[in-house]
All heavy atoms as atom14 arrays in JSON, in Angstrom:
{
  "sequence": "KYVGQKVGSFLLTKEVRNAPNLKDWMDKDYGVAFEMPLVALEQVL",
  "atom14_mask": [
    [1, 1, 1, 1, 1, 1, 1, 1, 1, 0, 0, 0, 0, 0],
    [1, 1, 1, 1, 1, 1, 1, 1, 1, 1, 1, 1, 0, 0],
    [1, 1, 1, 1, 1, 1, 1, 0, 0, 0, 0, 0, 0, 0],
    [1, 1, 1, 1, 0, 0, 0, 0, 0, 0, 0, 0, 0, 0],
    [1, 1, 1, 1, 1, 1, 1, 1, 1, 0, 0, 0, 0, 0],
    [1, 1, 1, 1, 1, 1, 1, 1, 1, 0, 0, 0, 0, 0],
    [1, 1, 1, 1, 1, 1, 1, 0, 0, 0, 0, 0, 0, 0],
    [1, 1, 1, 1, 0, 0, 0, 0, 0, 0, 0, 0, 0, 0],
    [1, 1, 1, 1, 1, 1, 0, 0, 0, 0, 0, 0, 0, 0],
    [1, 1, 1, 1, 1, 1, 1, 1, 1, 1, 1, 0, 0, 0],
    [1, 1, 1, 1, 1, 1, 1, 1, 0, 0, 0, 0, 0, 0],
    [1, 1, 1, 1, 1, 1, 1, 1, 0, 0, 0, 0, 0, 0],
    [1, 1, 1, 1, 1, 1, 1, 0, 0, 0, 0, 0, 0, 0],
    [1, 1, 1, 1, 1, 1, 1, 1, 1, 0, 0, 0, 0, 0],
    [1, 1, 1, 1, 1, 1, 1, 1, 1, 0, 0, 0, 0, 0],
    [1, 1, 1, 1, 1, 1, 1, 0, 0, 0, 0, 0, 0, 0],
    [1, 1, 1, 1, 1, 1, 1, 1, 1, 1, 1, 0, 0, 0],
    [1, 1, 1, 1, 1, 1, 1, 1, 0, 0, 0, 0, 0, 0],
    [1, 1, 1, 1, 1, 0, 0, 0, 0, 0, 0, 0, 0, 0],
    [1, 1, 1, 1, 1, 1, 1, 0, 0, 0, 0, 0, 0, 0],
    [1, 1, 1, 1, 1, 1, 1, 1, 0, 0, 0, 0, 0, 0],
    [1, 1, 1, 1, 1, 1, 1, 1, 0, 0, 0, 0, 0, 0],
    [1, 1, 1, 1, 1, 1, 1, 1, 1, 0, 0, 0, 0, 0],
    [1, 1, 1, 1, 1, 1, 1, 1, 0, 0, 0, 0, 0, 0],
    [1, 1, 1, 1, 1, 1, 1, 1, 1, 1, 1, 1, 1, 1],
    [1, 1, 1, 1, 1, 1, 1, 1, 0, 0, 0, 0, 0, 0],
    [1, 1, 1, 1, 1, 1, 1, 1, 0, 0, 0, 0, 0, 0],
    [1, 1, 1, 1, 1, 1, 1, 1, 1, 0, 0, 0, 0, 0],
    [1, 1, 1, 1, 1, 1, 1, 1, 0, 0, 0, 0, 0, 0],
    [1, 1, 1, 1, 1, 1, 1, 1, 1, 1, 1, 1, 0, 0],
    [1, 1, 1, 1, 0, 0, 0, 0, 0, 0, 0, 0, 0, 0],
    [1, 1, 1, 1, 1, 1, 1, 0, 0, 0, 0, 0, 0, 0],
    [1, 1, 1, 1, 1, 0, 0, 0, 0, 0, 0, 0, 0, 0],
    [1, 1, 1, 1, 1, 1, 1, 1, 1, 1, 1, 0, 0, 0],
    [1, 1, 1, 1, 1, 1, 1, 1, 1, 0, 0, 0, 0, 0],
    [1, 1, 1, 1, 1, 1, 1, 1, 0, 0, 0, 0, 0, 0],
    [1, 1, 1, 1, 1, 1, 1, 0, 0, 0, 0, 0, 0, 0],
    [1, 1, 1, 1, 1, 1, 1, 1, 0, 0, 0, 0, 0, 0],
    [1, 1, 1, 1, 1, 1, 1, 0, 0, 0, 0, 0, 0, 0],
    [1, 1, 1, 1, 1, 0, 0, 0, 0, 0, 0, 0, 0, 0],
    [1, 1, 1, 1, 1, 1, 1, 1, 0, 0, 0, 0, 0, 0],
    [1, 1, 1, 1, 1, 1, 1, 1, 1, 0, 0, 0, 0, 0],
    [1, 1, 1, 1, 1, 1, 1, 1, 1, 0, 0, 0, 0, 0],
    [1, 1, 1, 1, 1, 1, 1, 0, 0, 0, 0, 0, 0, 0],
    [1, 1, 1, 1, 1, 1, 1, 1, 0, 0, 0, 0, 0, 0]
  ],
  "atom14_positions": [
    [[-1.05, 0.83, 1.42], [-1.8, 1.89, 2.07], [-2.78, 1.26, 3.1], [-2.91, 1.71, 4.19], [-2.62, 2.71, 1.04], [-3.51, 3.75, 1.66], [-4.27, 4.54, 0.62], [-5.14, 5.64, 1.23], [-5.83, 6.41, 0.19], [0.0, 0.0, 0.0], [0.0, 0.0, 0.0], [0.0, 0.0, 0.0], [0.0, 0.0, 0.0], [0.0, 0.0, 0.0]],
    [[-3.48, 0.19, 2.66], [-4.41, -0.47, 3.58], [-3.71, -1.04, 4.79], [-4.19, -0.77, 5.94], [-5.12, -1.64, 2.79], [-6.03, -2.39, 3.7], [-7.31, -1.98, 3.99], [-5.66, -3.67, 4.23], [-8.19, -2.72, 4.75], [-6.44, -4.37, 5.04], [-7.76, -3.93, 5.3], [-8.58, -4.64, 6.11], [0.0, 0.0, 0.0], [0.0, 0.0, 0.0]],
    [[-2.64, -1.69, 4.62], [-1.88, -2.25, 5.76], [-1.32, -1.14, 6.58], [-1.39, -1.19, 7.83], [-0.77, -3.24, 5.31], [0.12, -3.62, 6.45], [-1.37, -4.47, 4.63], [0.0, 0.0, 0.0], [0.0, 0.0, 0.0], [0.0, 0.0, 0.0], [0.0, 0.0, 0.0], [0.0, 0.0, 0.0], [0.0, 0.0, 0.0], [0.0, 0.0, 0.0]],
    [[-0.79, -0.1, 6.0], [-0.26, 1.01, 6.66], [-1.25, 1.74, 7.55], [-0.97, 2.15, 8.69], [0.0, 0.0, 0.0], [0.0, 0.0, 0.0], [0.0, 0.0, 0.0], [0.0, 0.0, 0.0], [0.0, 0.0, 0.0], [0.0, 0.0, 0.0], [0.0, 0.0, 0.0], [0.0, 0.0, 0.0], [0.0, 0.0, 0.0], [0.0, 0.0, 0.0]],
    [[-2.51, 1.86, 7.1], [-3.54, 2.45, 7.85], [-3.91, 1.62, 9.07], [-4.37, 2.16, 10.11], [-4.78, 2.63, 6.96], [-4.61, 3.79, 5.96], [-5.76, 3.9, 4.99], [-6.45, 2.92, 4.72], [-5.93, 5.07, 4.43], [0.0, 0.0, 0.0], [0.0, 0.0, 0.0], [0.0, 0.0, 0.0], [0.0, 0.0, 0.0], [0.0, 0.0, 0.0]],
    [[-3.74, 0.25, 8.99], [-4.06, -0.57, 10.07], [-2.89, -0.58, 11.14], [-3.16, -0.64, 12.3], [-4.35, -2.01, 9.61], [-5.45, -2.13, 8.63], [-6.78, -1.76, 9.29], [-7.91, -1.94, 8.36], [-9.14, -1.35, 8.77], [0.0, 0.0, 0.0], [0.0, 0.0, 0.0], [0.0, 0.0, 0.0], [0.0, 0.0, 0.0], [0.0, 0.0, 0.0]],
    [[-1.66, -0.5, 10.62], [-0.5, -0.6, 11.46], [-0.11, 0.79, 12.08], [0.28, 0.92, 13.19], [0.69, -1.23, 10.67], [1.97, -1.2, 11.55], [0.36, -2.62, 10.27], [0.0, 0.0, 0.0], [0.0, 0.0, 0.0], [0.0, 0.0, 0.0], [0.0, 0.0, 0.0], [0.0, 0.0, 0.0], [0.0, 0.0, 0.0], [0.0, 0.0, 0.0]],
    [[-0.1, 1.75, 11.23], [0.29, 3.12, 11.62], [0.55, 3.96, 10.37], [1.49, 3.75, 9.68], [0.0, 0.0, 0.0], [0.0, 0.0, 0.0], [0.0, 0.0, 0.0], [0.0, 0.0, 0.0], [0.0, 0.0, 0.0], [0.0, 0.0, 0.0], [0.0, 0.0, 0.0], [0.0, 0.0, 0.0], [0.0, 0.0, 0.0], [0.0, 0.0, 0.0]],
    [[-0.3, 4.94, 10.19], [-0.25, 5.7, 8.98], [0.95, 6.59, 8.89], [1.34, 7.12, 7.87], [-1.47, 6.51, 8.75], [-1.68, 7.38, 9.87], [0.0, 0.0, 0.0], [0.0, 0.0, 0.0], [0.0, 0.0, 0.0], [0.0, 0.0, 0.0], [0.0, 0.0, 0.0], [0.0, 0.0, 0.0], [0.0, 0.0, 0.0], [0.0, 0.0, 0.0]],
    [[1.64, 6.8, 10.01], [2.9, 7.54, 10.02], [3.98, 6.92, 9.22], [4.94, 7.53, 8.81], [3.41, 7.8, 11.45], [3.75, 6.54, 12.15], [5.14, 6.08, 12.13], [2.83, 5.8, 12.87], [5.46, 4.89, 12.78], [3.22, 4.63, 13.52], [4.53, 4.15, 13.49], [0.0, 0.0, 0.0], [0.0, 0.0, 0.0], [0.0, 0.0, 0.0]],
    [[3.81, 5.62, 8.89], [4.83, 4.88, 8.09], [4.64, 5.1, 6.6], [5.53, 4.77, 5.79], [4.74, 3.41, 8.37], [5.06, 2.93, 9.8], [4.71, 1.47, 9.95], [6.54, 3.17, 10.09], [0.0, 0.0, 0.0], [0.0, 0.0, 0.0], [0.0, 0.0, 0.0], [0.0, 0.0, 0.0], [0.0, 0.0, 0.0], [0.0, 0.0, 0.0]],
    [[3.49, 5.69, 6.22], [3.18, 5.83, 4.76], [3.85, 6.96, 4.14], [3.86, 8.1, 4.7], [1.68, 5.91, 4.6], [0.85, 4.75, 5.13], [-0.64, 5.05, 4.95], [1.2, 3.47, 4.47], [0.0, 0.0, 0.0], [0.0, 0.0, 0.0], [0.0, 0.0, 0.0], [0.0, 0.0, 0.0], [0.0, 0.0, 0.0], [0.0, 0.0, 0.0]],
    [[4.38, 6.8, 2.97], [4.95, 7.88, 2.2], [3.78, 8.64, 1.47], [2.7, 8.13, 1.42], [5.95, 7.35, 1.14], [5.27, 6.55, 0.2], [7.12, 6.65, 1.81], [0.0, 0.0, 0.0], [0.0, 0.0, 0.0], [0.0, 0.0, 0.0], [0.0, 0.0, 0.0], [0.0, 0.0, 0.0], [0.0, 0.0, 0.0], [0.0, 0.0, 0.0]],
    [[4.13, 9.74, 0.93], [3.07, 10.55, 0.2], [2.48, 9.78, -0.92], [1.24, 9.78, -1.15], [3.72, 11.85, -0.3], [2.71, 12.76, -0.97], [3.43, 14.06, -1.4], [2.38, 14.93, -2.13], [2.99, 16.19, -2.62], [0.0, 0.0, 0.0], [0.0, 0.0, 0.0], [0.0, 0.0, 0.0], [0.0, 0.0, 0.0], [0.0, 0.0, 0.0]],
    [[3.3, 9.03, -1.69], [2.84, 8.28, -2.81], [1.88, 7.21, -2.4], [0.8, 7.01, -3.04], [3.96, 7.65, -3.59], [3.56, 6.91, -4.83], [4.71, 6.32, -5.63], [5.81, 6.04, -5.02], [4.49, 6.1, -6.81], [0.0, 0.0, 0.0], [0.0, 0.0, 0.0], [0.0, 0.0, 0.0], [0.0, 0.0, 0.0], [0.0, 0.0, 0.0]],
    [[2.16, 6.56, -1.27], [1.29, 5.48, -0.77], [-0.02, 6.12, -0.24], [-1.11, 5.57, -0.5], [1.98, 4.58, 0.26], [1.02, 3.62, 0.84], [3.18, 3.93, -0.35], [0.0, 0.0, 0.0], [0.0, 0.0, 0.0], [0.0, 0.0, 0.0], [0.0, 0.0, 0.0], [0.0, 0.0, 0.0], [0.0, 0.0, 0.0], [0.0, 0.0, 0.0]],
    [[0.09, 7.18, 0.45], [-1.13, 7.89, 1.01], [-2.07, 8.33, -0.15], [-3.27, 8.35, 0.08], [-0.74, 9.09, 1.85], [-0.33, 8.7, 3.28], [-0.31, 9.98, 4.13], [0.6, 10.96, 3.6], [1.85, 11.12, 3.95], [2.43, 10.26, 4.79], [2.57, 12.14, 3.48], [0.0, 0.0, 0.0], [0.0, 0.0, 0.0], [0.0, 0.0, 0.0]],
    [[-1.49, 8.67, -1.29], [-2.32, 9.16, -2.39], [-2.92, 8.0, -3.22], [-3.72, 8.29, -4.15], [-1.52, 10.07, -3.32], [-1.19, 11.36, -2.65], [-1.91, 11.83, -1.77], [-0.12, 12.04, -3.06], [0.0, 0.0, 0.0], [0.0, 0.0, 0.0], [0.0, 0.0, 0.0], [0.0, 0.0, 0.0], [0.0, 0.0, 0.0], [0.0, 0.0, 0.0]],
    [[-2.58, 6.77, -2.98], [-3.11, 5.64, -3.7], [-4.63, 5.51, -3.36], [-5.07, 5.91, -2.3], [-2.38, 4.35, -3.3], [0.0, 0.0, 0.0], [0.0, 0.0, 0.0], [0.0, 0.0, 0.0], [0.0, 0.0, 0.0], [0.0, 0.0, 0.0], [0.0, 0.0, 0.0], [0.0, 0.0, 0.0], [0.0, 0.0, 0.0], [0.0, 0.0, 0.0]],
    [[-5.42, 4.89, -4.24], [-6.85, 4.73, -3.96], [-7.03, 3.77, -2.76], [-6.13, 3.05, -2.36], [-7.37, 3.99, -5.2], [-6.32, 4.26, -6.26], [-5.04, 4.42, -5.53], [0.0, 0.0, 0.0], [0.0, 0.0, 0.0], [0.0, 0.0, 0.0], [0.0, 0.0, 0.0], [0.0, 0.0, 0.0], [0.0, 0.0, 0.0], [0.0, 0.0, 0.0]],
    [[-8.22, 3.89, -2.1], [-8.48, 2.97, -1.02], [-8.8, 1.58, -1.56], [-9.34, 1.41, -2.59], [-9.7, 3.52, -0.25], [-9.4, 4.74, 0.5], [-8.38, 4.91, 1.09], [-10.34, 5.74, 0.47], [0.0, 0.0, 0.0], [0.0, 0.0, 0.0], [0.0, 0.0, 0.0], [0.0, 0.0, 0.0], [0.0, 0.0, 0.0], [0.0, 0.0, 0.0]],
    [[-8.46, 0.6, -0.72], [-8.63, -0.8, -1.15], [-10.06, -1.12, -1.49], [-10.41, -1.79, -2.48], [-8.12, -1.78, -0.05], [-8.2, -3.23, -0.35], [-7.36, -3.6, -1.64], [-7.78, -4.09, 0.78], [0.0, 0.0, 0.0], [0.0, 0.0, 0.0], [0.0, 0.0, 0.0], [0.0, 0.0, 0.0], [0.0, 0.0, 0.0], [0.0, 0.0, 0.0]],
    [[-11.04, -0.61, -0.68], [-12.46, -0.91, -0.91], [-12.93, -0.38, -2.24], [-13.87, -0.91, -2.81], [-13.3, -0.46, 0.23], [-13.4, 1.05, 0.4], [-14.34, 1.38, 1.6], [-14.4, 2.84, 1.72], [-15.51, 3.43, 1.0], [0.0, 0.0, 0.0], [0.0, 0.0, 0.0], [0.0, 0.0, 0.0], [0.0, 0.0, 0.0], [0.0, 0.0, 0.0]],
    [[-12.29, 0.68, -2.75], [-12.69, 1.34, -3.98], [-11.87, 0.78, -5.18], [-12.13, 1.16, -6.34], [-12.55, 2.81, -3.93], [-13.38, 3.43, -2.83], [-14.44, 2.91, -2.55], [-12.91, 4.4, -2.23], [0.0, 0.0, 0.0], [0.0, 0.0, 0.0], [0.0, 0.0, 0.0], [0.0, 0.0, 0.0], [0.0, 0.0, 0.0], [0.0, 0.0, 0.0]],
    [[-10.85, 0.01, -4.94], [-9.92, -0.41, -6.01], [-10.51, -1.54, -6.8], [-10.96, -2.56, -6.25], [-8.6, -0.81, -5.39], [-7.49, -1.15, -6.39], [-6.86, -2.39, -6.44], [-6.94, -0.37, -7.45], [-5.95, -2.35, -7.45], [-6.01, -1.13, -8.05], [-7.24, 0.93, -7.87], [-5.28, -0.67, -9.14], [-6.52, 1.37, -8.93], [-5.53, 0.59, -9.57]],
    [[-10.5, -1.44, -8.13], [-11.13, -2.41, -9.02], [-10.39, -3.79, -8.98], [-11.06, -4.77, -9.28], [-11.17, -1.87, -10.44], [-9.83, -1.67, -10.99], [-9.99, -1.01, -12.7], [-8.22, -0.64, -13.06], [0.0, 0.0, 0.0], [0.0, 0.0, 0.0], [0.0, 0.0, 0.0], [0.0, 0.0, 0.0], [0.0, 0.0, 0.0], [0.0, 0.0, 0.0]],
    [[-9.12, -3.8, -8.78], [-8.36, -5.06, -8.83], [-8.02, -5.56, -7.39], [-6.95, -6.14, -7.16], [-7.07, -4.85, -9.57], [-7.32, -4.65, -11.06], [-8.28, -5.27, -11.55], [-6.6, -3.91, -11.73], [0.0, 0.0, 0.0], [0.0, 0.0, 0.0], [0.0, 0.0, 0.0], [0.0, 0.0, 0.0], [0.0, 0.0, 0.0], [0.0, 0.0, 0.0]],
    [[-8.85, -5.33, -6.41], [-8.6, -5.74, -5.05], [-8.56, -7.23, -4.83], [-8.11, -7.7, -3.79], [-9.61, -5.13, -4.13], [-10.99, -5.54, -4.32], [-11.93, -4.78, -3.35], [-13.31, -4.69, -3.94], [-13.84, -3.38, -3.89], [0.0, 0.0, 0.0], [0.0, 0.0, 0.0], [0.0, 0.0, 0.0], [0.0, 0.0, 0.0], [0.0, 0.0, 0.0]],
    [[-8.98, -8.02, -5.83], [-8.99, -9.44, -5.65], [-7.73, -10.17, -6.1], [-7.64, -11.38, -6.1], [-10.23, -10.02, -6.29], [-10.34, -9.64, -7.75], [-9.67, -8.66, -8.2], [-11.1, -10.31, -8.52], [0.0, 0.0, 0.0], [0.0, 0.0, 0.0], [0.0, 0.0, 0.0], [0.0, 0.0, 0.0], [0.0, 0.0, 0.0], [0.0, 0.0, 0.0]],
    [[-6.76, -9.41, -6.54], [-5.47, -10.03, -6.98], [-4.54, -10.14, -5.76], [-4.52, -9.29, -4.9], [-4.79, -9.12, -8.04], [-5.45, -9.25, -9.42], [-6.48, -8.31, -9.78], [-5.12, -10.18, -10.32], [-7.08, -8.41, -10.96], [-5.74, -10.27, -11.54], [-6.73, -9.37, -11.86], [-7.37, -9.52, -13.07], [0.0, 0.0, 0.0], [0.0, 0.0, 0.0]],
    [[-3.69, -11.2, -5.87], [-2.75, -11.36, -4.8], [-1.58, -10.39, -4.84], [-1.22, -9.9, -5.94], [0.0, 0.0, 0.0], [0.0, 0.0, 0.0], [0.0, 0.0, 0.0], [0.0, 0.0, 0.0], [0.0, 0.0, 0.0], [0.0, 0.0, 0.0], [0.0, 0.0, 0.0], [0.0, 0.0, 0.0], [0.0, 0.0, 0.0], [0.0, 0.0, 0.0]],
    [[-1.07, -10.05, -3.69], [-0.01, -9.03, -3.67], [1.22, -9.46, -2.88], [1.98, -8.64, -2.41], [-0.55, -7.69, -3.09], [-1.55, -7.13, -4.01], [-1.19, -7.92, -1.71], [0.0, 0.0, 0.0], [0.0, 0.0, 0.0], [0.0, 0.0, 0.0], [0.0, 0.0, 0.0], [0.0, 0.0, 0.0], [0.0, 0.0, 0.0], [0.0, 0.0, 0.0]],
    [[1.41, -10.78, -2.77], [2.58, -11.26, -1.99], [3.89, -10.79, -2.6], [4.9, -10.69, -1.84], [2.49, -12.78, -1.94], [0.0, 0.0, 0.0], [0.0, 0.0, 0.0], [0.0, 0.0, 0.0], [0.0, 0.0, 0.0], [0.0, 0.0, 0.0], [0.0, 0.0, 0.0], [0.0, 0.0, 0.0], [0.0, 0.0, 0.0], [0.0, 0.0, 0.0]],
    [[3.95, -10.57, -3.85], [5.17, -10.01, -4.49], [5.16, -8.55, -4.6], [6.18, -7.89, -4.39], [5.32, -10.72, -5.89], [6.59, -10.36, -6.56], [7.81, -10.81, -6.09], [6.62, -9.57, -7.7], [9.01, -10.5, -6.7], [7.77, -9.26, -8.36], [9.02, -9.7, -7.86], [0.0, 0.0, 0.0], [0.0, 0.0, 0.0], [0.0, 0.0, 0.0]],
    [[4.0, -7.96, -4.88], [3.89, -6.53, -5.14], [4.13, -5.69, -3.86], [4.77, -4.64, -3.94], [2.51, -6.2, -5.76], [2.22, -6.88, -7.04], [3.27, -6.54, -8.13], [3.78, -5.47, -8.11], [3.41, -7.39, -8.98], [0.0, 0.0, 0.0], [0.0, 0.0, 0.0], [0.0, 0.0, 0.0], [0.0, 0.0, 0.0], [0.0, 0.0, 0.0]],
    [[3.52, -6.1, -2.76], [3.71, -5.28, -1.53], [5.16, -5.17, -1.07], [5.59, -4.03, -0.81], [2.85, -5.85, -0.41], [1.36, -5.41, -0.51], [0.39, -5.97, 0.82], [1.05, -5.09, 2.23], [0.0, 0.0, 0.0], [0.0, 0.0, 0.0], [0.0, 0.0, 0.0], [0.0, 0.0, 0.0], [0.0, 0.0, 0.0], [0.0, 0.0, 0.0]],
    [[5.95, -6.21, -0.98], [7.34, -6.05, -0.69], [8.11, -5.19, -1.65], [8.95, -4.41, -1.23], [7.9, -7.51, -0.64], [6.69, -8.39, -0.43], [5.54, -7.66, -1.1], [0.0, 0.0, 0.0], [0.0, 0.0, 0.0], [0.0, 0.0, 0.0], [0.0, 0.0, 0.0], [0.0, 0.0, 0.0], [0.0, 0.0, 0.0], [0.0, 0.0, 0.0]],
    [[7.83, -5.3, -2.98], [8.47, -4.43, -3.93], [8.16, -3.0, -3.67], [9.08, -2.15, -3.68], [8.02, -4.77, -5.33], [8.61, -5.99, -6.0], [8.03, -6.21, -7.41], [10.09, -5.87, -6.06], [0.0, 0.0, 0.0], [0.0, 0.0, 0.0], [0.0, 0.0, 0.0], [0.0, 0.0, 0.0], [0.0, 0.0, 0.0], [0.0, 0.0, 0.0]],
    [[6.89, -2.66, -3.45], [6.5, -1.28, -3.19], [7.15, -0.78, -1.84], [7.63, 0.33, -1.79], [4.97, -1.07, -3.14], [4.57, 0.21, -2.58], [4.41, -1.27, -4.54], [0.0, 0.0, 0.0], [0.0, 0.0, 0.0], [0.0, 0.0, 0.0], [0.0, 0.0, 0.0], [0.0, 0.0, 0.0], [0.0, 0.0, 0.0], [0.0, 0.0, 0.0]],
    [[7.16, -1.64, -0.85], [7.75, -1.27, 0.42], [9.2, -0.97, 0.29], [9.74, 0.05, 0.78], [7.53, -2.33, 1.44], [0.0, 0.0, 0.0], [0.0, 0.0, 0.0], [0.0, 0.0, 0.0], [0.0, 0.0, 0.0], [0.0, 0.0, 0.0], [0.0, 0.0, 0.0], [0.0, 0.0, 0.0], [0.0, 0.0, 0.0], [0.0, 0.0, 0.0]],
    [[9.91, -1.77, -0.49], [11.38, -1.51, -0.74], [11.56, -0.24, -1.5], [12.45, 0.47, -1.26], [11.98, -2.75, -1.49], [12.28, -3.91, -0.61], [12.73, -5.09, -1.51], [13.41, -3.6, 0.42], [0.0, 0.0, 0.0], [0.0, 0.0, 0.0], [0.0, 0.0, 0.0], [0.0, 0.0, 0.0], [0.0, 0.0, 0.0], [0.0, 0.0, 0.0]],
    [[10.7, -0.06, -2.51], [10.78, 1.22, -3.32], [10.7, 2.44, -2.37], [11.47, 3.39, -2.51], [9.65, 1.32, -4.31], [9.68, 0.42, -5.47], [8.38, 0.49, -6.28], [7.58, 1.43, -6.05], [8.22, -0.39, -7.16], [0.0, 0.0, 0.0], [0.0, 0.0, 0.0], [0.0, 0.0, 0.0], [0.0, 0.0, 0.0], [0.0, 0.0, 0.0]],
    [[9.73, 2.36, -1.48], [9.53, 3.52, -0.55], [10.65, 3.71, 0.46], [11.1, 4.79, 0.68], [8.19, 3.35, 0.18], [6.95, 3.2, -0.78], [6.78, 4.3, -1.74], [6.84, 5.46, -1.41], [6.58, 3.95, -3.01], [0.0, 0.0, 0.0], [0.0, 0.0, 0.0], [0.0, 0.0, 0.0], [0.0, 0.0, 0.0], [0.0, 0.0, 0.0]],
    [[11.09, 2.55, 0.98], [12.17, 2.65, 2.0], [13.52, 3.14, 1.39], [14.18, 3.94, 1.95], [12.34, 1.27, 2.67], [13.61, 1.22, 3.5], [11.11, 0.95, 3.54], [0.0, 0.0, 0.0], [0.0, 0.0, 0.0], [0.0, 0.0, 0.0], [0.0, 0.0, 0.0], [0.0, 0.0, 0.0], [0.0, 0.0, 0.0], [0.0, 0.0, 0.0]],
    [[13.76, 2.61, 0.17], [14.99, 2.99, -0.49], [14.92, 4.29, -1.27], [15.96, 4.7, -1.91], [15.42, 1.83, -1.45], [15.75, 0.48, -0.76], [15.99, -0.57, -1.8], [16.86, 0.64, 0.21], [0.0, 0.0, 0.0], [0.0, 0.0, 0.0], [0.0, 0.0, 0.0], [0.0, 0.0, 0.0], [0.0, 0.0, 0.0], [0.0, 0.0, 0.0]]
  ]
}
């Protein structure tokens, strides 16, 4: 959601748009190098 808002929110699916904002997210300090591509593939497929 954070990256999509920076790149172009038209790319975001409803599920991603409904996710919490990064600044409010309690686990924002965890790495997401594996998680983001998985979520992106879930949404695209």
